[in-house]
Amino acid sequence: MRTVTPNSDPARASELVYATVRREILSGRRVSDSWLREGDIADELGVSRTPVREALRRLTAEGLVRHEFNRGVRVETWSSKQLEEIFSMRYVLEPWACSLAATAGLIEIAELDSLASAMDEAVSDTPDFAQLTTLNNAFHRHIVEGSGNSQLASVIASIIQVPLVHRTFEQYSARSLRRSLAHHHELVDALSAHDPQWAQSVMQSHVRAAWTTVIAHQPPSGQLSALPDPPAHPDIEDDHV
């Protein structure tokens, strides 16, 4: 049992249940189409059903789970087409955010570099993929929030969580994992140099490489293809929120 806080106030208990179940979905511990039973979750986390119910409502609103009438709640499943659409959006938006972050002056480079190094350490001996996923999420979030465009950051946050469910690091080959970690360090270098074109280019390569892993782990019927080239972004100097 992963006891949360048995006697905590309802709001805090709900937040902790939400964070725990969300993390388990994004890490792949709770797989697509699996049932999320209120009673089972309450027993596992040592809380009543009320905070579990509230947490599941929040996860439903985020699109991570779906409610089936008279049956319960299941972890959402995305079709191959939906995944392709999501990654196509990410391929446009996240590199753009990265290019903005290079000149916005909001990124704490030392913190970003520390996250990149921590990811190296997470796989140096016995890989800790859960820790790696947490660090990776923080790394990407730090860059997106550093764009200075809060609306863009909100849109990216709403779409990036979906492919993360399907792109756990356990699926990476050793070579793919090394490439992904190297991209993180190059992103730190590009952002440190305040070079928007370099930063944008590396993030495009990073997202495209991640997509190849999704393709490799889809069933043959998925028929996924390479991502199309993104449309040209507006000049950074002309961008206004």
C-alpha atoms as a PDB file:
ATOM      1  CA  MET A   1       0.000   0.000   0.000  1.00  0.00           C
ATOM      2  CA  ARG A   2       1.332   3.465  -0.939  1.00  0.00           C
ATOM      3  CA  THR A   3      -0.304   5.321   1.925  1.00  0.00           C
ATOM      4  CA  VAL A   4      -0.854   9.016   1.234  1.00  0.00           C
ATOM      5  CA  THR A   5      -2.122  10.830   4.339  1.00  0.00           C
ATOM      6  CA  PRO A   6      -4.985   8.917   5.949  1.00  0.00           C
ATOM      7  CA  ASN A   7      -6.206  11.761   8.112  1.00  0.00           C
ATOM      8  CA  SER A   8      -5.391  14.715   5.888  1.00  0.00           C
ATOM      9  CA  ASP A   9      -7.981  17.297   4.879  1.00  0.00           C
ATOM     10  CA  PRO A  10     -10.071  16.420   1.771  1.00  0.00           C
ATOM     11  CA  ALA A  11      -8.468  19.021  -0.502  1.00  0.00           C
ATOM     12  CA  ARG A  12      -4.936  17.844   0.271  1.00  0.00           C
ATOM     13  CA  ALA A  13      -5.910  14.183  -0.016  1.00  0.00           C
ATOM     14  CA  SER A  14      -7.523  14.820  -3.407  1.00  0.00           C
ATOM     15  CA  GLU A  15      -4.420  16.640  -4.652  1.00  0.00           C
ATOM     16  CA  LEU A  16      -2.148  13.809  -3.567  1.00  0.00           C
ATOM     17  CA  VAL A  17      -4.366  11.139  -5.140  1.00  0.00           C
ATOM     18  CA  TYR A  18      -4.530  13.165  -8.352  1.00  0.00           C
ATOM     19  CA  ALA A  19      -0.742  13.606  -8.493  1.00  0.00           C
ATOM     20  CA  THR A  20      -0.095   9.934  -7.723  1.00  0.00           C
ATOM     21  CA  VAL A  21      -2.523   8.470 -10.255  1.00  0.00           C
ATOM     22  CA  ARG A  22      -1.527  11.002 -12.915  1.00  0.00           C
ATOM     23  CA  ARG A  23       2.143  10.120 -12.449  1.00  0.00           C
ATOM     24  CA  GLU A  24       1.350   6.404 -12.700  1.00  0.00           C
ATOM     25  CA  ILE A  25      -0.553   6.952 -15.950  1.00  0.00           C
ATOM     26  CA  LEU A  26       2.166   9.088 -17.508  1.00  0.00           C
ATOM     27  CA  SER A  27       4.893   6.647 -16.480  1.00  0.00           C
ATOM     28  CA  GLY A  28       3.002   3.736 -18.022  1.00  0.00           C
ATOM     29  CA  ARG A  29       2.417   1.955 -14.715  1.00  0.00           C
ATOM     30  CA  ARG A  30      -1.313   2.216 -15.393  1.00  0.00           C
ATOM     31  CA  VAL A  31      -1.697   1.186 -19.019  1.00  0.00           C
ATOM     32  CA  SER A  32      -4.177   2.333 -21.653  1.00  0.00           C
ATOM     33  CA  ASP A  33      -7.688   0.946 -21.259  1.00  0.00           C
ATOM     34  CA  SER A  34      -7.095  -0.330 -17.705  1.00  0.00           C
ATOM     35  CA  TRP A  35      -9.837   0.276 -15.144  1.00  0.00           C
ATOM     36  CA  LEU A  36      -9.391   2.786 -12.322  1.00  0.00           C
ATOM     37  CA  ARG A  37     -11.588   1.485  -9.490  1.00  0.00           C
ATOM     38  CA  GLU A  38     -12.315   4.025  -6.779  1.00  0.00           C
ATOM     39  CA  GLY A  39     -12.253   1.435  -4.011  1.00  0.00           C
ATOM     40  CA  ASP A  40      -8.965  -0.095  -5.142  1.00  0.00           C
ATOM     41  CA  ILE A  41      -7.246   3.292  -5.395  1.00  0.00           C
ATOM     42  CA  ALA A  42      -8.613   4.372  -2.012  1.00  0.00           C
ATOM     43  CA  ASP A  43      -7.272   1.193  -0.409  1.00  0.00           C
ATOM     44  CA  GLU A  44      -3.870   1.529  -2.104  1.00  0.00           C
ATOM     45  CA  LEU A  45      -3.395   5.135  -1.014  1.00  0.00           C
ATOM     46  CA  GLY A  46      -5.077   4.948   2.396  1.00  0.00           C
ATOM     47  CA  VAL A  47      -7.793   7.537   1.732  1.00  0.00           C
ATOM     48  CA  SER A  48     -11.566   7.581   1.424  1.00  0.00           C
ATOM     49  CA  ARG A  49     -13.345   7.382  -1.917  1.00  0.00           C
ATOM     50  CA  THR A  50     -14.270  11.070  -1.949  1.00  0.00           C
ATOM     51  CA  PRO A  51     -10.794  12.448  -2.802  1.00  0.00           C
ATOM     52  CA  VAL A  52     -10.352   9.613  -5.313  1.00  0.00           C
ATOM     53  CA  ARG A  53     -13.585  10.593  -7.040  1.00  0.00           C
ATOM     54  CA  GLU A  54     -12.503  14.239  -7.221  1.00  0.00           C
ATOM     55  CA  ALA A  55      -9.068  13.279  -8.564  1.00  0.00           C
ATOM     56  CA  LEU A  56     -10.628  11.118 -11.290  1.00  0.00           C
ATOM     57  CA  ARG A  57     -12.868  14.025 -12.306  1.00  0.00           C
ATOM     58  CA  ARG A  58      -9.778  16.181 -12.801  1.00  0.00           C
ATOM     59  CA  LEU A  59      -8.034  13.485 -14.805  1.00  0.00           C
ATOM     60  CA  THR A  60     -11.140  13.101 -16.968  1.00  0.00           C
ATOM     61  CA  ALA A  61     -11.146  16.837 -17.665  1.00  0.00           C
ATOM     62  CA  GLU A  62      -7.480  16.585 -18.717  1.00  0.00           C
ATOM     63  CA  GLY A  63      -8.261  13.778 -21.139  1.00  0.00           C
ATOM     64  CA  LEU A  64      -6.058  11.217 -19.422  1.00  0.00           C
ATOM     65  CA  VAL A  65      -8.981   9.012 -18.412  1.00  0.00           C
ATOM     66  CA  ARG A  66     -12.537   8.533 -19.658  1.00  0.00           C
ATOM     67  CA  HIS A  67     -15.768   7.843 -17.815  1.00  0.00           C
ATOM     68  CA  GLU A  68     -17.934   5.072 -19.224  1.00  0.00           C
ATOM     69  CA  PHE A  69     -21.571   5.334 -18.172  1.00  0.00           C
ATOM     70  CA  ASN A  70     -22.570   2.696 -15.613  1.00  0.00           C
ATOM     71  CA  ARG A  71     -19.168   1.031 -15.930  1.00  0.00           C
ATOM     72  CA  GLY A  72     -16.503   3.240 -14.375  1.00  0.00           C
ATOM     73  CA  VAL A  73     -13.319   5.045 -15.337  1.00  0.00           C
ATOM     74  CA  ARG A  74     -10.581   3.779 -17.649  1.00  0.00           C
ATOM     75  CA  VAL A  75      -7.198   5.089 -18.709  1.00  0.00           C
ATOM     76  CA  GLU A  76      -7.696   6.743 -22.090  1.00  0.00           C
ATOM     77  CA  THR A  77      -6.590   5.077 -25.306  1.00  0.00           C
ATOM     78  CA  TRP A  78      -5.444   7.073 -28.329  1.00  0.00           C
ATOM     79  CA  SER A  79      -5.613   5.906 -31.891  1.00  0.00           C
ATOM     80  CA  SER A  80      -2.605   5.975 -34.203  1.00  0.00           C
ATOM     81  CA  LYS A  81      -4.137   8.924 -36.045  1.00  0.00           C
ATOM     82  CA  GLN A  82      -4.621  10.858 -32.808  1.00  0.00           C
ATOM     83  CA  LEU A  83      -1.015  10.239 -31.783  1.00  0.00           C
ATOM     84  CA  GLU A  84       0.189  11.423 -35.173  1.00  0.00           C
ATOM     85  CA  GLU A  85      -1.886  14.587 -34.903  1.00  0.00           C
ATOM     86  CA  ILE A  86      -0.612  15.259 -31.386  1.00  0.00           C
ATOM     87  CA  PHE A  87       3.028  14.789 -32.315  1.00  0.00           C
ATOM     88  CA  SER A  88       2.548  16.962 -35.400  1.00  0.00           C
ATOM     89  CA  MET A  89       1.331  19.771 -33.126  1.00  0.00           C
ATOM     90  CA  ARG A  90       4.166  19.202 -30.712  1.00  0.00           C
ATOM     91  CA  TYR A  91       6.647  19.265 -33.609  1.00  0.00           C
ATOM     92  CA  VAL A  92       5.477  22.775 -34.487  1.00  0.00           C
ATOM     93  CA  LEU A  93       4.847  24.270 -31.057  1.00  0.00           C
ATOM     94  CA  GLU A  94       7.636  22.979 -28.816  1.00  0.00           C
ATOM     95  CA  PRO A  95      10.522  24.020 -31.123  1.00  0.00           C
ATOM     96  CA  TRP A  96       8.877  27.427 -31.454  1.00  0.00           C
ATOM     97  CA  ALA A  97       8.669  27.744 -27.663  1.00  0.00           C
ATOM     98  CA  CYS A  98      12.315  26.715 -27.479  1.00  0.00           C
ATOM     99  CA  SER A  99      13.346  29.418 -29.939  1.00  0.00           C
ATOM    100  CA  LEU A 100      11.448  32.031 -27.916  1.00  0.00           C
ATOM    101  CA  ALA A 101      13.074  30.813 -24.706  1.00  0.00           C
ATOM    102  CA  ALA A 102      16.516  31.372 -26.221  1.00  0.00           C
ATOM    103  CA  THR A 103      15.980  35.132 -26.277  1.00  0.00           C
ATOM    104  CA  ALA A 104      13.391  35.699 -23.533  1.00  0.00           C
ATOM    105  CA  GLY A 105      15.967  35.696 -20.731  1.00  0.00           C
ATOM    106  CA  LEU A 106      13.720  33.704 -18.393  1.00  0.00           C
ATOM    107  CA  ILE A 107      15.530  30.344 -18.399  1.00  0.00           C
ATOM    108  CA  GLU A 108      17.685  29.393 -15.431  1.00  0.00           C
ATOM    109  CA  ILE A 109      20.481  27.745 -17.432  1.00  0.00           C
ATOM    110  CA  ALA A 110      22.139  26.285 -14.322  1.00  0.00           C
ATOM    111  CA  GLU A 111      18.898  24.584 -13.306  1.00  0.00           C
ATOM    112  CA  LEU A 112      18.348  23.247 -16.818  1.00  0.00           C
ATOM    113  CA  ASP A 113      21.920  21.939 -16.965  1.00  0.00           C
ATOM    114  CA  SER A 114      21.441  20.295 -13.575  1.00  0.00           C
ATOM    115  CA  LEU A 115      18.326  18.494 -14.848  1.00  0.00           C
ATOM    116  CA  ALA A 116      20.203  17.259 -17.932  1.00  0.00           C
ATOM    117  CA  SER A 117      23.021  15.913 -15.752  1.00  0.00           C
ATOM    118  CA  ALA A 118      20.568  14.307 -13.336  1.00  0.00           C
ATOM    119  CA  MET A 119      19.006  12.440 -16.271  1.00  0.00           C
ATOM    120  CA  ASP A 120      22.440  11.073 -17.174  1.00  0.00           C
ATOM    121  CA  GLU A 121      22.863   9.856 -13.603  1.00  0.00           C
ATOM    122  CA  ALA A 122      19.408   8.256 -13.596  1.00  0.00           C
ATOM    123  CA  VAL A 123      20.559   5.770 -16.243  1.00  0.00           C
ATOM    124  CA  SER A 124      24.268   5.537 -15.403  1.00  0.00           C
ATOM    125  CA  ASP A 125      24.074   2.182 -13.594  1.00  0.00           C
ATOM    126  CA  THR A 126      20.691   0.542 -13.103  1.00  0.00           C
ATOM    127  CA  PRO A 127      18.259   2.716 -15.116  1.00  0.00           C
ATOM    128  CA  ASP A 128      15.587   4.428 -13.022  1.00  0.00           C
ATOM    129  CA  PHE A 129      13.036   5.133 -15.739  1.00  0.00           C
ATOM    130  CA  ALA A 130      10.466   6.619 -13.351  1.00  0.00           C
ATOM    131  CA  GLN A 131      13.015   9.162 -12.146  1.00  0.00           C
ATOM    132  CA  LEU A 132      14.165   9.788 -15.699  1.00  0.00           C
ATOM    133  CA  THR A 133      10.587  10.508 -16.788  1.00  0.00           C
ATOM    134  CA  THR A 134      10.060  12.947 -13.900  1.00  0.00           C
ATOM    135  CA  LEU A 135      13.296  14.784 -14.703  1.00  0.00           C
ATOM    136  CA  ASN A 136      12.508  14.835 -18.420  1.00  0.00           C
ATOM    137  CA  ASN A 137       9.089  16.344 -17.789  1.00  0.00           C
ATOM    138  CA  ALA A 138      10.642  19.033 -15.598  1.00  0.00           C
ATOM    139  CA  PHE A 139      13.300  19.766 -18.255  1.00  0.00           C
ATOM    140  CA  HIS A 140      10.776  20.276 -21.042  1.00  0.00           C
ATOM    141  CA  ARG A 141       8.402  22.226 -18.810  1.00  0.00           C
ATOM    142  CA  HIS A 142      11.226  24.572 -17.777  1.00  0.00           C
ATOM    143  CA  ILE A 143      11.986  25.365 -21.417  1.00  0.00           C
ATOM    144  CA  VAL A 144       8.360  25.879 -22.435  1.00  0.00           C
ATOM    145  CA  GLU A 145       7.623  28.129 -19.464  1.00  0.00           C
ATOM    146  CA  GLY A 146      10.803  30.026 -20.283  1.00  0.00           C
ATOM    147  CA  SER A 147       9.325  31.044 -23.631  1.00  0.00           C
ATOM    148  CA  GLY A 148       7.538  33.898 -21.899  1.00  0.00           C
ATOM    149  CA  ASN A 149       4.347  33.038 -23.804  1.00  0.00           C
ATOM    150  CA  SER A 150       1.909  31.727 -21.211  1.00  0.00           C
ATOM    151  CA  GLN A 151      -0.754  30.767 -23.755  1.00  0.00           C
ATOM    152  CA  LEU A 152       1.722  28.774 -25.809  1.00  0.00           C
ATOM    153  CA  ALA A 153       2.970  27.060 -22.647  1.00  0.00           C
ATOM    154  CA  SER A 154      -0.603  26.137 -21.700  1.00  0.00           C
ATOM    155  CA  VAL A 155      -1.352  24.651 -25.120  1.00  0.00           C
ATOM    156  CA  ILE A 156       1.855  22.593 -25.150  1.00  0.00           C
ATOM    157  CA  ALA A 157       1.212  21.335 -21.614  1.00  0.00           C
ATOM    158  CA  SER A 158      -2.203  20.079 -22.685  1.00  0.00           C
ATOM    159  CA  ILE A 159      -0.875  18.007 -25.598  1.00  0.00           C
ATOM    160  CA  ILE A 160       2.535  16.803 -24.435  1.00  0.00           C
ATOM    161  CA  GLN A 161       1.154  14.576 -21.672  1.00  0.00           C
ATOM    162  CA  VAL A 162      -0.623  12.322 -24.180  1.00  0.00           C
ATOM    163  CA  PRO A 163       2.432  11.136 -26.139  1.00  0.00           C
ATOM    164  CA  LEU A 164       4.335  10.706 -22.894  1.00  0.00           C
ATOM    165  CA  VAL A 165       1.915   7.913 -22.002  1.00  0.00           C
ATOM    166  CA  HIS A 166       2.921   6.108 -25.187  1.00  0.00           C
ATOM    167  CA  ARG A 167       6.600   7.050 -25.132  1.00  0.00           C
ATOM    168  CA  THR A 168       7.998   5.711 -21.890  1.00  0.00           C
ATOM    169  CA  PHE A 169      11.764   5.491 -21.731  1.00  0.00           C
ATOM    170  CA  GLU A 170      11.542   1.731 -21.283  1.00  0.00           C
ATOM    171  CA  GLN A 171      10.817   1.568 -25.027  1.00  0.00           C
ATOM    172  CA  TYR A 172      14.061   3.297 -25.966  1.00  0.00           C
ATOM    173  CA  SER A 173      16.990   1.333 -27.301  1.00  0.00           C
ATOM    174  CA  ALA A 174      20.327   2.119 -25.661  1.00  0.00           C
ATOM    175  CA  ARG A 175      21.313   4.134 -28.734  1.00  0.00           C
ATOM    176  CA  SER A 176      18.042   6.094 -28.782  1.00  0.00           C
ATOM    177  CA  LEU A 177      18.380   6.865 -25.091  1.00  0.00           C
ATOM    178  CA  ARG A 178      21.915   8.178 -25.541  1.00  0.00           C
ATOM    179  CA  ARG A 179      20.730  10.378 -28.400  1.00  0.00           C
ATOM    180  CA  SER A 180      17.858  11.761 -26.334  1.00  0.00           C
ATOM    181  CA  LEU A 181      20.144  12.614 -23.423  1.00  0.00           C
ATOM    182  CA  ALA A 182      22.648  14.231 -25.804  1.00  0.00           C
ATOM    183  CA  HIS A 183      19.849  16.396 -27.233  1.00  0.00           C
ATOM    184  CA  HIS A 184      19.157  17.711 -23.732  1.00  0.00           C
ATOM    185  CA  HIS A 185      22.747  18.844 -23.306  1.00  0.00           C
ATOM    186  CA  GLU A 186      22.779  20.466 -26.745  1.00  0.00           C
ATOM    187  CA  LEU A 187      19.562  22.289 -25.893  1.00  0.00           C
ATOM    188  CA  VAL A 188      21.279  23.674 -22.786  1.00  0.00           C
ATOM    189  CA  ASP A 189      24.164  24.857 -24.970  1.00  0.00           C
ATOM    190  CA  ALA A 190      21.863  26.476 -27.544  1.00  0.00           C
ATOM    191  CA  LEU A 191      19.779  28.253 -24.909  1.00  0.00           C
ATOM    192  CA  SER A 192      22.921  29.358 -23.081  1.00  0.00           C
ATOM    193  CA  ALA A 193      24.186  30.845 -26.365  1.00  0.00           C
ATOM    194  CA  HIS A 194      20.835  32.645 -26.827  1.00  0.00           C
ATOM    195  CA  ASP A 195      20.656  31.203 -30.344  1.00  0.00           C
ATOM    196  CA  PRO A 196      16.982  30.744 -31.297  1.00  0.00           C
ATOM    197  CA  GLN A 197      17.654  28.973 -34.609  1.00  0.00           C
ATOM    198  CA  TRP A 198      19.985  26.447 -32.987  1.00  0.00           C
ATOM    199  CA  ALA A 199      17.584  25.843 -30.106  1.00  0.00           C
ATOM    200  CA  GLN A 200      14.633  25.391 -32.457  1.00  0.00           C
ATOM    201  CA  SER A 201      16.549  22.993 -34.702  1.00  0.00           C
ATOM    202  CA  VAL A 202      17.662  20.756 -31.829  1.00  0.00           C
ATOM    203  CA  MET A 203      14.157  20.560 -30.391  1.00  0.00           C
ATOM    204  CA  GLN A 204      12.779  19.614 -33.807  1.00  0.00           C
ATOM    205  CA  SER A 205      15.297  16.773 -34.014  1.00  0.00           C
ATOM    206  CA  HIS A 206      14.444  15.742 -30.448  1.00  0.00           C
ATOM    207  CA  VAL A 207      10.707  15.517 -31.120  1.00  0.00           C
ATOM    208  CA  ARG A 208      11.195  13.797 -34.480  1.00  0.00           C
ATOM    209  CA  ALA A 209      13.462  11.188 -32.883  1.00  0.00           C
ATOM    210  CA  ALA A 210      10.872  10.557 -30.170  1.00  0.00           C
ATOM    211  CA  TRP A 211       8.273  10.004 -32.866  1.00  0.00           C
ATOM    212  CA  THR A 212      10.357   7.240 -34.442  1.00  0.00           C
ATOM    213  CA  THR A 213      10.122   5.371 -31.128  1.00  0.00           C
ATOM    214  CA  VAL A 214       6.333   5.705 -31.158  1.00  0.00           C
ATOM    215  CA  ILE A 215       6.237   4.344 -34.716  1.00  0.00           C
ATOM    216  CA  ALA A 216       8.443   1.398 -33.783  1.00  0.00           C
ATOM    217  CA  HIS A 217       6.165   0.360 -30.918  1.00  0.00           C
ATOM    218  CA  GLN A 218       2.819   0.650 -32.680  1.00  0.00           C
ATOM    219  CA  PRO A 219       1.074  -2.486 -33.983  1.00  0.00           C
ATOM    220  CA  PRO A 220       1.456  -3.109 -37.747  1.00  0.00           C
ATOM    221  CA  SER A 221      -2.115  -1.932 -38.315  1.00  0.00           C
ATOM    222  CA  GLY A 222      -1.180   1.527 -36.996  1.00  0.00           C
ATOM    223  CA  GLN A 223       0.457   2.555 -40.280  1.00  0.00           C
ATOM    224  CA  LEU A 224       2.227   5.580 -38.786  1.00  0.00           C
ATOM    225  CA  SER A 225       4.520   7.656 -40.990  1.00  0.00           C
ATOM    226  CA  ALA A 226       7.264  10.232 -40.565  1.00  0.00           C
ATOM    227  CA  LEU A 227       6.230  13.667 -39.354  1.00  0.00           C
ATOM    228  CA  PRO A 228       5.724  16.283 -42.072  1.00  0.00           C
ATOM    229  CA  ASP A 229       7.907  19.374 -42.170  1.00  0.00           C
ATOM    230  CA  PRO A 230       6.392  22.102 -39.997  1.00  0.00           C
ATOM    231  CA  PRO A 231       5.213  25.412 -41.450  1.00  0.00           C
ATOM    232  CA  ALA A 232       7.564  28.349 -41.088  1.00  0.00           C
ATOM    233  CA  HIS A 233       7.274  30.127 -37.764  1.00  0.00           C
ATOM    234  CA  PRO A 234       6.811  33.889 -37.633  1.00  0.00           C
ATOM    235  CA  ASP A 235       9.973  35.856 -36.962  1.00  0.00           C
ATOM    236  CA  ILE A 236      10.587  36.054 -33.240  1.00  0.00           C
ATOM    237  CA  GLU A 237      10.853  39.833 -33.407  1.00  0.00           C
ATOM    238  CA  ASP A 238       7.341  40.001 -34.834  1.00  0.00           C
ATOM    239  CA  ASP A 239       5.771  37.652 -32.299  1.00  0.00           C
ATOM    240  CA  HIS A 240       3.346  39.205 -29.848  1.00  0.00           C
ATOM    241  CA  VAL A 241       1.207  37.602 -27.167  1.00  0.00           C
END
